[in-house]
Amino acid sequence: AATDLDGSLYLEKLKIILVFVCLLSFFLFFIAGWIYSGRALKPISDV
C-alpha cells in the first residue's frame, strides 16, 4: 500500500488546466461564431 500524492497533484493540475482551456475555448468559439454567423447572415440582411 502507498499514497499517490504526486498523481493526485497531477490530476488536480490537469483538472484546472482543462477547465481553463474549456472556458477559453468557449470564449473564442463565441467570438468566432459571432463573426462568422454575422458574415453568413449578411446576404440575408442585404436581401
ModelCIF file with pLDDT and N, C-alpha, C, O atoms, coordinates in Angstrom:
data_MODEL
#
_entry.id   MODEL 
#
_entity.id                         1 
_entity.type                       polymer 
_entity.pdbx_number_of_molecules   1 
#
_entity_poly.entity_id                      1 
_entity_poly.type                           'polypeptide(L)' 
_entity_poly.nstd_linkage                   no 
_entity_poly.nstd_monomer                   no 
_entity_poly.pdbx_seq_one_letter_code       AATDLDGSLYLEKLKIILVFVCLLSFFLFFIAGWIYSGRALKPISDV 
_entity_poly.pdbx_seq_one_letter_code_can   AATDLDGSLYLEKLKIILVFVCLLSFFLFFIAGWIYSGRALKPISDV 
_entity_poly.pdbx_strand_id                 A 
#
loop_
_entity_poly_seq.entity_id 
_entity_poly_seq.num 
_entity_poly_seq.mon_id 
_entity_poly_seq.hetero 
1 1  ALA n 
1 2  ALA n 
1 3  THR n 
1 4  ASP n 
1 5  LEU n 
1 6  ASP n 
1 7  GLY n 
1 8  SER n 
1 9  LEU n 
1 10 TYR n 
1 11 LEU n 
1 12 GLU n 
1 13 LYS n 
1 14 LEU n 
1 15 LYS n 
1 16 ILE n 
1 17 ILE n 
1 18 LEU n 
1 19 VAL n 
1 20 PHE n 
1 21 VAL n 
1 22 CYS n 
1 23 LEU n 
1 24 LEU n 
1 25 SER n 
1 26 PHE n 
1 27 PHE n 
1 28 LEU n 
1 29 PHE n 
1 30 PHE n 
1 31 ILE n 
1 32 ALA n 
1 33 GLY n 
1 34 TRP n 
1 35 ILE n 
1 36 TYR n 
1 37 SER n 
1 38 GLY n 
1 39 ARG n 
1 40 ALA n 
1 41 LEU n 
1 42 LYS n 
1 43 PRO n 
1 44 ILE n 
1 45 SER n 
1 46 ASP n 
1 47 VAL n 
#
_struct_asym.id          A 
_struct_asym.entity_id   1 
#
loop_
_ma_qa_metric.id 
_ma_qa_metric.mode 
_ma_qa_metric.name 
_ma_qa_metric.software_group_id 
_ma_qa_metric.type 
1 global pLDDT . pLDDT 
2 local  pLDDT . pLDDT 
#
_ma_qa_metric_global.metric_id      1 
_ma_qa_metric_global.metric_value   88.15 
_ma_qa_metric_global.model_id       1 
_ma_qa_metric_global.ordinal_id     1 
#
loop_
_ma_qa_metric_local.label_asym_id 
_ma_qa_metric_local.label_comp_id 
_ma_qa_metric_local.label_seq_id 
_ma_qa_metric_local.metric_id 
_ma_qa_metric_local.metric_value 
_ma_qa_metric_local.model_id 
_ma_qa_metric_local.ordinal_id 
A ALA 1  2 90.00 1 1  
A ALA 2  2 90.00 1 2  
A THR 3  2 88.00 1 3  
A ASP 4  2 86.00 1 4  
A LEU 5  2 85.00 1 5  
A ASP 6  2 85.00 1 6  
A GLY 7  2 86.00 1 7  
A SER 8  2 86.00 1 8  
A LEU 9  2 89.00 1 9  
A TYR 10 2 89.00 1 10 
A LEU 11 2 90.00 1 11 
A GLU 12 2 91.00 1 12 
A LYS 13 2 93.00 1 13 
A LEU 14 2 92.00 1 14 
A LYS 15 2 92.00 1 15 
A ILE 16 2 94.00 1 16 
A ILE 17 2 94.00 1 17 
A LEU 18 2 93.00 1 18 
A VAL 19 2 93.00 1 19 
A PHE 20 2 94.00 1 20 
A VAL 21 2 92.00 1 21 
A CYS 22 2 91.00 1 22 
A LEU 23 2 92.00 1 23 
A LEU 24 2 93.00 1 24 
A SER 25 2 92.00 1 25 
A PHE 26 2 92.00 1 26 
A PHE 27 2 93.00 1 27 
A LEU 28 2 93.00 1 28 
A PHE 29 2 92.00 1 29 
A PHE 30 2 93.00 1 30 
A ILE 31 2 93.00 1 31 
A ALA 32 2 92.00 1 32 
A GLY 33 2 90.00 1 33 
A TRP 34 2 89.00 1 34 
A ILE 35 2 89.00 1 35 
A TYR 36 2 88.00 1 36 
A SER 37 2 86.00 1 37 
A GLY 38 2 82.00 1 38 
A ARG 39 2 81.00 1 39 
A ALA 40 2 78.00 1 40 
A LEU 41 2 79.00 1 41 
A LYS 42 2 79.00 1 42 
A PRO 43 2 77.00 1 43 
A ILE 44 2 80.00 1 44 
A SER 45 2 80.00 1 45 
A ASP 46 2 79.00 1 46 
A VAL 47 2 78.00 1 47 
#
loop_
_atom_site.group_PDB 
_atom_site.id 
_atom_site.type_symbol 
_atom_site.label_atom_id 
_atom_site.label_alt_id 
_atom_site.label_comp_id 
_atom_site.label_asym_id 
_atom_site.label_entity_id 
_atom_site.label_seq_id 
_atom_site.pdbx_PDB_ins_code 
_atom_site.Cartn_x 
_atom_site.Cartn_y 
_atom_site.Cartn_z 
_atom_site.occupancy 
_atom_site.B_iso_or_equiv 
_atom_site.pdbx_formal_charge 
_atom_site.auth_seq_id 
_atom_site.auth_comp_id 
_atom_site.auth_asym_id 
_atom_site.auth_atom_id 
_atom_site.pdbx_PDB_model_num 
ATOM 1   N N  . ALA A 1 1  ? 0.849   -1.193 0.000   1.00 90.00 ? 1  ALA A N  1 
ATOM 2   C CA . ALA A 1 1  ? 0.000   0.000  0.000   1.00 90.00 ? 1  ALA A CA 1 
ATOM 3   C C  . ALA A 1 1  ? 0.876   1.232  0.000   1.00 90.00 ? 1  ALA A C  1 
ATOM 4   O O  . ALA A 1 1  ? 1.975   1.222  0.554   1.00 90.00 ? 1  ALA A O  1 
ATOM 5   N N  . ALA A 1 2  ? 0.386   2.301  -0.627  1.00 90.00 ? 2  ALA A N  1 
ATOM 6   C CA . ALA A 1 2  ? 1.115   3.576  -0.665  1.00 90.00 ? 2  ALA A CA 1 
ATOM 7   C C  . ALA A 1 2  ? 0.135   4.675  -1.055  1.00 90.00 ? 2  ALA A C  1 
ATOM 8   O O  . ALA A 1 2  ? -0.984  4.400  -1.490  1.00 90.00 ? 2  ALA A O  1 
ATOM 9   N N  . THR A 1 3  ? 0.558   5.895  -0.899  1.00 88.00 ? 3  THR A N  1 
ATOM 10  C CA . THR A 1 3  ? -0.256  7.075  -1.229  1.00 88.00 ? 3  THR A CA 1 
ATOM 11  C C  . THR A 1 3  ? 0.331   7.754  -2.464  1.00 88.00 ? 3  THR A C  1 
ATOM 12  O O  . THR A 1 3  ? 1.516   8.085  -2.505  1.00 88.00 ? 3  THR A O  1 
ATOM 13  N N  . ASP A 1 4  ? -0.507  7.952  -3.453  1.00 86.00 ? 4  ASP A N  1 
ATOM 14  C CA . ASP A 1 4  ? -0.054  8.571  -4.702  1.00 86.00 ? 4  ASP A CA 1 
ATOM 15  C C  . ASP A 1 4  ? -0.303  10.085 -4.634  1.00 86.00 ? 4  ASP A C  1 
ATOM 16  O O  . ASP A 1 4  ? -1.205  10.602 -5.292  1.00 86.00 ? 4  ASP A O  1 
ATOM 17  N N  . LEU A 1 5  ? 0.492   10.773 -3.845  1.00 85.00 ? 5  LEU A N  1 
ATOM 18  C CA . LEU A 1 5  ? 0.327   12.221 -3.711  1.00 85.00 ? 5  LEU A CA 1 
ATOM 19  C C  . LEU A 1 5  ? 0.688   12.947 -5.005  1.00 85.00 ? 5  LEU A C  1 
ATOM 20  O O  . LEU A 1 5  ? 0.008   13.893 -5.402  1.00 85.00 ? 5  LEU A O  1 
ATOM 21  N N  . ASP A 1 6  ? 1.761   12.499 -5.658  1.00 85.00 ? 6  ASP A N  1 
ATOM 22  C CA . ASP A 1 6  ? 2.170   13.138 -6.914  1.00 85.00 ? 6  ASP A CA 1 
ATOM 23  C C  . ASP A 1 6  ? 1.093   12.984 -7.985  1.00 85.00 ? 6  ASP A C  1 
ATOM 24  O O  . ASP A 1 6  ? 0.797   13.920 -8.728  1.00 85.00 ? 6  ASP A O  1 
ATOM 25  N N  . GLY A 1 7  ? 0.501   11.764 -8.051  1.00 86.00 ? 7  GLY A N  1 
ATOM 26  C CA . GLY A 1 7  ? -0.548  11.541 -9.045  1.00 86.00 ? 7  GLY A CA 1 
ATOM 27  C C  . GLY A 1 7  ? -1.780  12.391 -8.769  1.00 86.00 ? 7  GLY A C  1 
ATOM 28  O O  . GLY A 1 7  ? -2.385  12.929 -9.696  1.00 86.00 ? 7  GLY A O  1 
ATOM 29  N N  . SER A 1 8  ? -2.157  12.516 -7.481  1.00 86.00 ? 8  SER A N  1 
ATOM 30  C CA . SER A 1 8  ? -3.310  13.348 -7.128  1.00 86.00 ? 8  SER A CA 1 
ATOM 31  C C  . SER A 1 8  ? -3.058  14.803 -7.465  1.00 86.00 ? 8  SER A C  1 
ATOM 32  O O  . SER A 1 8  ? -3.944  15.501 -7.959  1.00 86.00 ? 8  SER A O  1 
ATOM 33  N N  . LEU A 1 9  ? -1.831  15.263 -7.193  1.00 89.00 ? 9  LEU A N  1 
ATOM 34  C CA . LEU A 1 9  ? -1.483  16.642 -7.526  1.00 89.00 ? 9  LEU A CA 1 
ATOM 35  C C  . LEU A 1 9  ? -1.490  16.851 -9.041  1.00 89.00 ? 9  LEU A C  1 
ATOM 36  O O  . LEU A 1 9  ? -1.930  17.893 -9.528  1.00 89.00 ? 9  LEU A O  1 
ATOM 37  N N  . TYR A 1 10 ? -1.005  15.864 -9.773  1.00 89.00 ? 10 TYR A N  1 
ATOM 38  C CA . TYR A 1 10 ? -1.003  15.939 -11.234 1.00 89.00 ? 10 TYR A CA 1 
ATOM 39  C C  . TYR A 1 10 ? -2.426  16.034 -11.780 1.00 89.00 ? 10 TYR A C  1 
ATOM 40  O O  . TYR A 1 10 ? -2.702  16.837 -12.671 1.00 89.00 ? 10 TYR A O  1 
ATOM 41  N N  . LEU A 1 11 ? -3.339  15.200 -11.233 1.00 90.00 ? 11 LEU A N  1 
ATOM 42  C CA . LEU A 1 11 ? -4.723  15.237 -11.707 1.00 90.00 ? 11 LEU A CA 1 
ATOM 43  C C  . LEU A 1 11 ? -5.393  16.552 -11.342 1.00 90.00 ? 11 LEU A C  1 
ATOM 44  O O  . LEU A 1 11 ? -6.204  17.065 -12.113 1.00 90.00 ? 11 LEU A O  1 
ATOM 45  N N  . GLU A 1 12 ? -5.070  17.104 -10.186 1.00 91.00 ? 12 GLU A N  1 
ATOM 46  C CA . GLU A 1 12 ? -5.658  18.379 -9.791  1.00 91.00 ? 12 GLU A CA 1 
ATOM 47  C C  . GLU A 1 12 ? -5.214  19.494 -10.732 1.00 91.00 ? 12 GLU A C  1 
ATOM 48  O O  . GLU A 1 12 ? -6.023  20.326 -11.144 1.00 91.00 ? 12 GLU A O  1 
ATOM 49  N N  . LYS A 1 13 ? -3.928  19.506 -11.071 1.00 93.00 ? 13 LYS A N  1 
ATOM 50  C CA . LYS A 1 13 ? -3.427  20.498 -12.021 1.00 93.00 ? 13 LYS A CA 1 
ATOM 51  C C  . LYS A 1 13 ? -4.041  20.295 -13.399 1.00 93.00 ? 13 LYS A C  1 
ATOM 52  O O  . LYS A 1 13 ? -4.401  21.252 -14.084 1.00 93.00 ? 13 LYS A O  1 
ATOM 53  N N  . LEU A 1 14 ? -4.152  19.028 -13.791 1.00 92.00 ? 14 LEU A N  1 
ATOM 54  C CA . LEU A 1 14 ? -4.750  18.735 -15.093 1.00 92.00 ? 14 LEU A CA 1 
ATOM 55  C C  . LEU A 1 14 ? -6.203  19.211 -15.134 1.00 92.00 ? 14 LEU A C  1 
ATOM 56  O O  . LEU A 1 14 ? -6.653  19.734 -16.153 1.00 92.00 ? 14 LEU A O  1 
ATOM 57  N N  . LYS A 1 15 ? -6.931  19.033 -14.042 1.00 92.00 ? 15 LYS A N  1 
ATOM 58  C CA . LYS A 1 15 ? -8.321  19.484 -13.983 1.00 92.00 ? 15 LYS A CA 1 
ATOM 59  C C  . LYS A 1 15 ? -8.404  20.996 -14.152 1.00 92.00 ? 15 LYS A C  1 
ATOM 60  O O  . LYS A 1 15 ? -9.254  21.498 -14.888 1.00 92.00 ? 15 LYS A O  1 
ATOM 61  N N  . ILE A 1 16 ? -7.501  21.732 -13.457 1.00 94.00 ? 16 ILE A N  1 
ATOM 62  C CA . ILE A 1 16 ? -7.510  23.196 -13.573 1.00 94.00 ? 16 ILE A CA 1 
ATOM 63  C C  . ILE A 1 16 ? -7.188  23.625 -15.003 1.00 94.00 ? 16 ILE A C  1 
ATOM 64  O O  . ILE A 1 16 ? -7.821  24.531 -15.545 1.00 94.00 ? 16 ILE A O  1 
ATOM 65  N N  . ILE A 1 17 ? -6.197  22.966 -15.612 1.00 94.00 ? 17 ILE A N  1 
ATOM 66  C CA . ILE A 1 17 ? -5.814  23.312 -16.987 1.00 94.00 ? 17 ILE A CA 1 
ATOM 67  C C  . ILE A 1 17 ? -6.964  23.047 -17.953 1.00 94.00 ? 17 ILE A C  1 
ATOM 68  O O  . ILE A 1 17 ? -7.240  23.869 -18.827 1.00 94.00 ? 17 ILE A O  1 
ATOM 69  N N  . LEU A 1 18 ? -7.638  21.903 -17.801 1.00 93.00 ? 18 LEU A N  1 
ATOM 70  C CA . LEU A 1 18 ? -8.743  21.572 -18.709 1.00 93.00 ? 18 LEU A CA 1 
ATOM 71  C C  . LEU A 1 18 ? -9.909  22.538 -18.545 1.00 93.00 ? 18 LEU A C  1 
ATOM 72  O O  . LEU A 1 18 ? -10.530 22.933 -19.532 1.00 93.00 ? 18 LEU A O  1 
ATOM 73  N N  . VAL A 1 19 ? -10.212 22.923 -17.299 1.00 93.00 ? 19 VAL A N  1 
ATOM 74  C CA . VAL A 1 19 ? -11.289 23.885 -17.078 1.00 93.00 ? 19 VAL A CA 1 
ATOM 75  C C  . VAL A 1 19 ? -10.940 25.225 -17.715 1.00 93.00 ? 19 VAL A C  1 
ATOM 76  O O  . VAL A 1 19 ? -11.783 25.852 -18.358 1.00 93.00 ? 19 VAL A O  1 
ATOM 77  N N  . PHE A 1 20 ? -9.690  25.662 -17.534 1.00 94.00 ? 20 PHE A N  1 
ATOM 78  C CA . PHE A 1 20 ? -9.256  26.930 -18.129 1.00 94.00 ? 20 PHE A CA 1 
ATOM 79  C C  . PHE A 1 20 ? -9.317  26.872 -19.656 1.00 94.00 ? 20 PHE A C  1 
ATOM 80  O O  . PHE A 1 20 ? -9.779  27.808 -20.309 1.00 94.00 ? 20 PHE A O  1 
ATOM 81  N N  . VAL A 1 21 ? -8.838  25.750 -20.214 1.00 92.00 ? 21 VAL A N  1 
ATOM 82  C CA . VAL A 1 21 ? -8.854  25.598 -21.682 1.00 92.00 ? 21 VAL A CA 1 
ATOM 83  C C  . VAL A 1 21 ? -10.288 25.592 -22.199 1.00 92.00 ? 21 VAL A C  1 
ATOM 84  O O  . VAL A 1 21 ? -10.574 26.179 -23.242 1.00 92.00 ? 21 VAL A O  1 
ATOM 85  N N  . CYS A 1 22 ? -11.198 24.926 -21.468 1.00 91.00 ? 22 CYS A N  1 
ATOM 86  C CA . CYS A 1 22 ? -12.608 24.892 -21.889 1.00 91.00 ? 22 CYS A CA 1 
ATOM 87  C C  . CYS A 1 22 ? -13.212 26.289 -21.880 1.00 91.00 ? 22 CYS A C  1 
ATOM 88  O O  . CYS A 1 22 ? -13.867 26.688 -22.842 1.00 91.00 ? 22 CYS A O  1 
ATOM 89  N N  . LEU A 1 23 ? -12.997 27.036 -20.796 1.00 92.00 ? 23 LEU A N  1 
ATOM 90  C CA . LEU A 1 23 ? -13.549 28.388 -20.707 1.00 92.00 ? 23 LEU A CA 1 
ATOM 91  C C  . LEU A 1 23 ? -12.977 29.289 -21.795 1.00 92.00 ? 23 LEU A C  1 
ATOM 92  O O  . LEU A 1 23 ? -13.708 30.049 -22.430 1.00 92.00 ? 23 LEU A O  1 
ATOM 93  N N  . LEU A 1 24 ? -11.659 29.198 -22.007 1.00 93.00 ? 24 LEU A N  1 
ATOM 94  C CA . LEU A 1 24 ? -11.032 29.994 -23.062 1.00 93.00 ? 24 LEU A CA 1 
ATOM 95  C C  . LEU A 1 24 ? -11.576 29.601 -24.437 1.00 93.00 ? 24 LEU A C  1 
ATOM 96  O O  . LEU A 1 24 ? -11.833 30.457 -25.284 1.00 93.00 ? 24 LEU A O  1 
ATOM 97  N N  . SER A 1 25 ? -11.749 28.285 -24.646 1.00 92.00 ? 25 SER A N  1 
ATOM 98  C CA . SER A 1 25 ? -12.278 27.809 -25.927 1.00 92.00 ? 25 SER A CA 1 
ATOM 99  C C  . SER A 1 25 ? -13.700 28.291 -26.133 1.00 92.00 ? 25 SER A C  1 
ATOM 100 O O  . SER A 1 25 ? -14.065 28.690 -27.239 1.00 92.00 ? 25 SER A O  1 
ATOM 101 N N  . PHE A 1 26 ? -14.522 28.260 -25.064 1.00 92.00 ? 26 PHE A N  1 
ATOM 102 C CA . PHE A 1 26 ? -15.902 28.752 -25.186 1.00 92.00 ? 26 PHE A CA 1 
ATOM 103 C C  . PHE A 1 26 ? -15.906 30.224 -25.591 1.00 92.00 ? 26 PHE A C  1 
ATOM 104 O O  . PHE A 1 26 ? -16.697 30.637 -26.438 1.00 92.00 ? 26 PHE A O  1 
ATOM 105 N N  . PHE A 1 27 ? -15.026 31.008 -24.986 1.00 93.00 ? 27 PHE A N  1 
ATOM 106 C CA . PHE A 1 27 ? -14.965 32.429 -25.327 1.00 93.00 ? 27 PHE A CA 1 
ATOM 107 C C  . PHE A 1 27 ? -14.544 32.624 -26.783 1.00 93.00 ? 27 PHE A C  1 
ATOM 108 O O  . PHE A 1 27 ? -15.138 33.421 -27.510 1.00 93.00 ? 27 PHE A O  1 
ATOM 109 N N  . LEU A 1 28 ? -13.508 31.886 -27.199 1.00 93.00 ? 28 LEU A N  1 
ATOM 110 C CA . LEU A 1 28 ? -13.046 32.003 -28.587 1.00 93.00 ? 28 LEU A CA 1 
ATOM 111 C C  . LEU A 1 28 ? -14.105 31.504 -29.563 1.00 93.00 ? 28 LEU A C  1 
ATOM 112 O O  . LEU A 1 28 ? -14.299 32.093 -30.627 1.00 93.00 ? 28 LEU A O  1 
ATOM 113 N N  . PHE A 1 29 ? -14.799 30.407 -29.200 1.00 92.00 ? 29 PHE A N  1 
ATOM 114 C CA . PHE A 1 29 ? -15.868 29.893 -30.054 1.00 92.00 ? 29 PHE A CA 1 
ATOM 115 C C  . PHE A 1 29 ? -16.990 30.914 -30.183 1.00 92.00 ? 29 PHE A C  1 
ATOM 116 O O  . PHE A 1 29 ? -17.570 31.082 -31.256 1.00 92.00 ? 29 PHE A O  1 
ATOM 117 N N  . PHE A 1 30 ? -17.296 31.605 -29.063 1.00 93.00 ? 30 PHE A N  1 
ATOM 118 C CA . PHE A 1 30 ? -18.355 32.600 -29.105 1.00 93.00 ? 30 PHE A CA 1 
ATOM 119 C C  . PHE A 1 30 ? -17.979 33.748 -30.045 1.00 93.00 ? 30 PHE A C  1 
ATOM 120 O O  . PHE A 1 30 ? -18.792 34.181 -30.862 1.00 93.00 ? 30 PHE A O  1 
ATOM 121 N N  . ILE A 1 31 ? -16.734 34.238 -29.922 1.00 93.00 ? 31 ILE A N  1 
ATOM 122 C CA . ILE A 1 31 ? -16.296 35.333 -30.788 1.00 93.00 ? 31 ILE A CA 1 
ATOM 123 C C  . ILE A 1 31 ? -16.296 34.895 -32.252 1.00 93.00 ? 31 ILE A C  1 
ATOM 124 O O  . ILE A 1 31 ? -16.795 35.604 -33.125 1.00 93.00 ? 31 ILE A O  1 
ATOM 125 N N  . ALA A 1 32 ? -15.725 33.707 -32.505 1.00 92.00 ? 32 ALA A N  1 
ATOM 126 C CA . ALA A 1 32 ? -15.663 33.217 -33.888 1.00 92.00 ? 32 ALA A CA 1 
ATOM 127 C C  . ALA A 1 32 ? -17.063 32.965 -34.441 1.00 92.00 ? 32 ALA A C  1 
ATOM 128 O O  . ALA A 1 32 ? -17.351 33.298 -35.590 1.00 92.00 ? 32 ALA A O  1 
ATOM 129 N N  . GLY A 1 33 ? -17.935 32.374 -33.616 1.00 90.00 ? 33 GLY A N  1 
ATOM 130 C CA . GLY A 1 33 ? -19.308 32.120 -34.069 1.00 90.00 ? 33 GLY A CA 1 
ATOM 131 C C  . GLY A 1 33 ? -20.050 33.406 -34.359 1.00 90.00 ? 33 GLY A C  1 
ATOM 132 O O  . GLY A 1 33 ? -20.808 33.489 -35.325 1.00 90.00 ? 33 GLY A O  1 
ATOM 133 N N  . TRP A 1 34 ? -19.830 34.436 -33.505 1.00 89.00 ? 34 TRP A N  1 
ATOM 134 C CA . TRP A 1 34 ? -20.496 35.719 -33.719 1.00 89.00 ? 34 TRP A CA 1 
ATOM 135 C C  . TRP A 1 34 ? -20.026 36.351 -35.026 1.00 89.00 ? 34 TRP A C  1 
ATOM 136 O O  . TRP A 1 34 ? -20.833 36.885 -35.787 1.00 89.00 ? 34 TRP A O  1 
ATOM 137 N N  . ILE A 1 35 ? -18.723 36.291 -35.284 1.00 89.00 ? 35 ILE A N  1 
ATOM 138 C CA . ILE A 1 35 ? -18.177 36.893 -36.509 1.00 89.00 ? 35 ILE A CA 1 
ATOM 139 C C  . ILE A 1 35 ? -18.668 36.148 -37.750 1.00 89.00 ? 35 ILE A C  1 
ATOM 140 O O  . ILE A 1 35 ? -19.165 36.757 -38.697 1.00 89.00 ? 35 ILE A O  1 
ATOM 141 N N  . TYR A 1 36 ? -18.521 34.818 -37.729 1.00 88.00 ? 36 TYR A N  1 
ATOM 142 C CA . TYR A 1 36 ? -18.864 34.047 -38.928 1.00 88.00 ? 36 TYR A CA 1 
ATOM 143 C C  . TYR A 1 36 ? -20.373 33.966 -39.144 1.00 88.00 ? 36 TYR A C  1 
ATOM 144 O O  . TYR A 1 36 ? -20.824 33.916 -40.288 1.00 88.00 ? 36 TYR A O  1 
ATOM 145 N N  . SER A 1 37 ? -21.164 33.952 -38.067 1.00 86.00 ? 37 SER A N  1 
ATOM 146 C CA . SER A 1 37 ? -22.613 33.973 -38.247 1.00 86.00 ? 37 SER A CA 1 
ATOM 147 C C  . SER A 1 37 ? -23.056 35.308 -38.828 1.00 86.00 ? 37 SER A C  1 
ATOM 148 O O  . SER A 1 37 ? -23.977 35.367 -39.642 1.00 86.00 ? 37 SER A O  1 
ATOM 149 N N  . GLY A 1 38 ? -22.376 36.404 -38.392 1.00 82.00 ? 38 GLY A N  1 
ATOM 150 C CA . GLY A 1 38 ? -22.693 37.701 -38.986 1.00 82.00 ? 38 GLY A CA 1 
ATOM 151 C C  . GLY A 1 38 ? -22.391 37.726 -40.473 1.00 82.00 ? 38 GLY A C  1 
ATOM 152 O O  . GLY A 1 38 ? -23.161 38.261 -41.272 1.00 82.00 ? 38 GLY A O  1 
ATOM 153 N N  . ARG A 1 39 ? -21.233 37.126 -40.836 1.00 81.00 ? 39 ARG A N  1 
ATOM 154 C CA . ARG A 1 39 ? -20.901 37.063 -42.274 1.00 81.00 ? 39 ARG A CA 1 
ATOM 155 C C  . ARG A 1 39 ? -21.885 36.170 -43.028 1.00 81.00 ? 39 ARG A C  1 
ATOM 156 O O  . ARG A 1 39 ? -22.267 36.466 -44.161 1.00 81.00 ? 39 ARG A O  1 
ATOM 157 N N  . ALA A 1 40 ? -22.289 35.076 -42.384 1.00 78.00 ? 40 ALA A N  1 
ATOM 158 C CA . ALA A 1 40 ? -23.205 34.155 -43.059 1.00 78.00 ? 40 ALA A CA 1 
ATOM 159 C C  . ALA A 1 40 ? -24.584 34.772 -43.244 1.00 78.00 ? 40 ALA A C  1 
ATOM 160 O O  . ALA A 1 40 ? -25.251 34.521 -44.248 1.00 78.00 ? 40 ALA A O  1 
ATOM 161 N N  . LEU A 1 41 ? -25.022 35.598 -42.256 1.00 79.00 ? 41 LEU A N  1 
ATOM 162 C CA . LEU A 1 41 ? -26.357 36.190 -42.336 1.00 79.00 ? 41 LEU A CA 1 
ATOM 163 C C  . LEU A 1 41 ? -26.374 37.530 -43.066 1.00 79.00 ? 41 LEU A C  1 
ATOM 164 O O  . LEU A 1 41 ? -27.447 38.081 -43.310 1.00 79.00 ? 41 LEU A O  1 
ATOM 165 N N  . LYS A 1 42 ? -25.198 38.066 -43.421 1.00 79.00 ? 42 LYS A N  1 
ATOM 166 C CA . LYS A 1 42 ? -25.156 39.365 -44.099 1.00 79.00 ? 42 LYS A CA 1 
ATOM 167 C C  . LYS A 1 42 ? -25.912 39.357 -45.433 1.00 79.00 ? 42 LYS A C  1 
ATOM 168 O O  . LYS A 1 42 ? -26.642 40.307 -45.713 1.00 79.00 ? 42 LYS A O  1 
ATOM 169 N N  . PRO A 1 43 ? -25.760 38.302 -46.278 1.00 77.00 ? 43 PRO A N  1 
ATOM 170 C CA . PRO A 1 43 ? -26.555 38.299 -47.522 1.00 77.00 ? 43 PRO A CA 1 
ATOM 171 C C  . PRO A 1 43 ? -28.056 38.363 -47.264 1.00 77.00 ? 43 PRO A C  1 
ATOM 172 O O  . PRO A 1 43 ? -28.788 39.013 -48.011 1.00 77.00 ? 43 PRO A O  1 
ATOM 173 N N  . ILE A 1 44 ? -28.522 37.684 -46.199 1.00 80.00 ? 44 ILE A N  1 
ATOM 174 C CA . ILE A 1 44 ? -29.950 37.742 -45.883 1.00 80.00 ? 44 ILE A CA 1 
ATOM 175 C C  . ILE A 1 44 ? -30.331 39.152 -45.452 1.00 80.00 ? 44 ILE A C  1 
ATOM 176 O O  . ILE A 1 44 ? -31.379 39.663 -45.849 1.00 80.00 ? 44 ILE A O  1 
ATOM 177 N N  . SER A 1 45 ? -29.479 39.788 -44.637 1.00 80.00 ? 45 SER A N  1 
ATOM 178 C CA . SER A 1 45 ? -29.748 41.168 -44.225 1.00 80.00 ? 45 SER A CA 1 
ATOM 179 C C  . SER A 1 45 ? -29.786 42.100 -45.430 1.00 80.00 ? 45 SER A C  1 
ATOM 180 O O  . SER A 1 45 ? -30.624 43.000 -45.491 1.00 80.00 ? 45 SER A O  1 
ATOM 181 N N  . ASP A 1 46 ? -28.880 41.891 -46.396 1.00 79.00 ? 46 ASP A N  1 
ATOM 182 C CA . ASP A 1 46 ? -28.874 42.720 -47.606 1.00 79.00 ? 46 ASP A CA 1 
ATOM 183 C C  . ASP A 1 46 ? -30.164 42.526 -48.405 1.00 79.00 ? 46 ASP A C  1 
ATOM 184 O O  . ASP A 1 46 ? -30.727 43.483 -48.935 1.00 79.00 ? 46 ASP A O  1 
ATOM 185 N N  . VAL A 1 47 ? -30.626 41.263 -48.484 1.00 78.00 ? 47 VAL A N  1 
ATOM 186 C CA . VAL A 1 47 ? -31.871 40.995 -49.212 1.00 78.00 ? 47 VAL A CA 1 
ATOM 187 C C  . VAL A 1 47 ? -33.044 41.692 -48.528 1.00 78.00 ? 47 VAL A C  1 
ATOM 188 O O  . VAL A 1 47 ? -34.180 41.587 -48.991 1.00 78.00 ? 47 VAL A O  1 
#
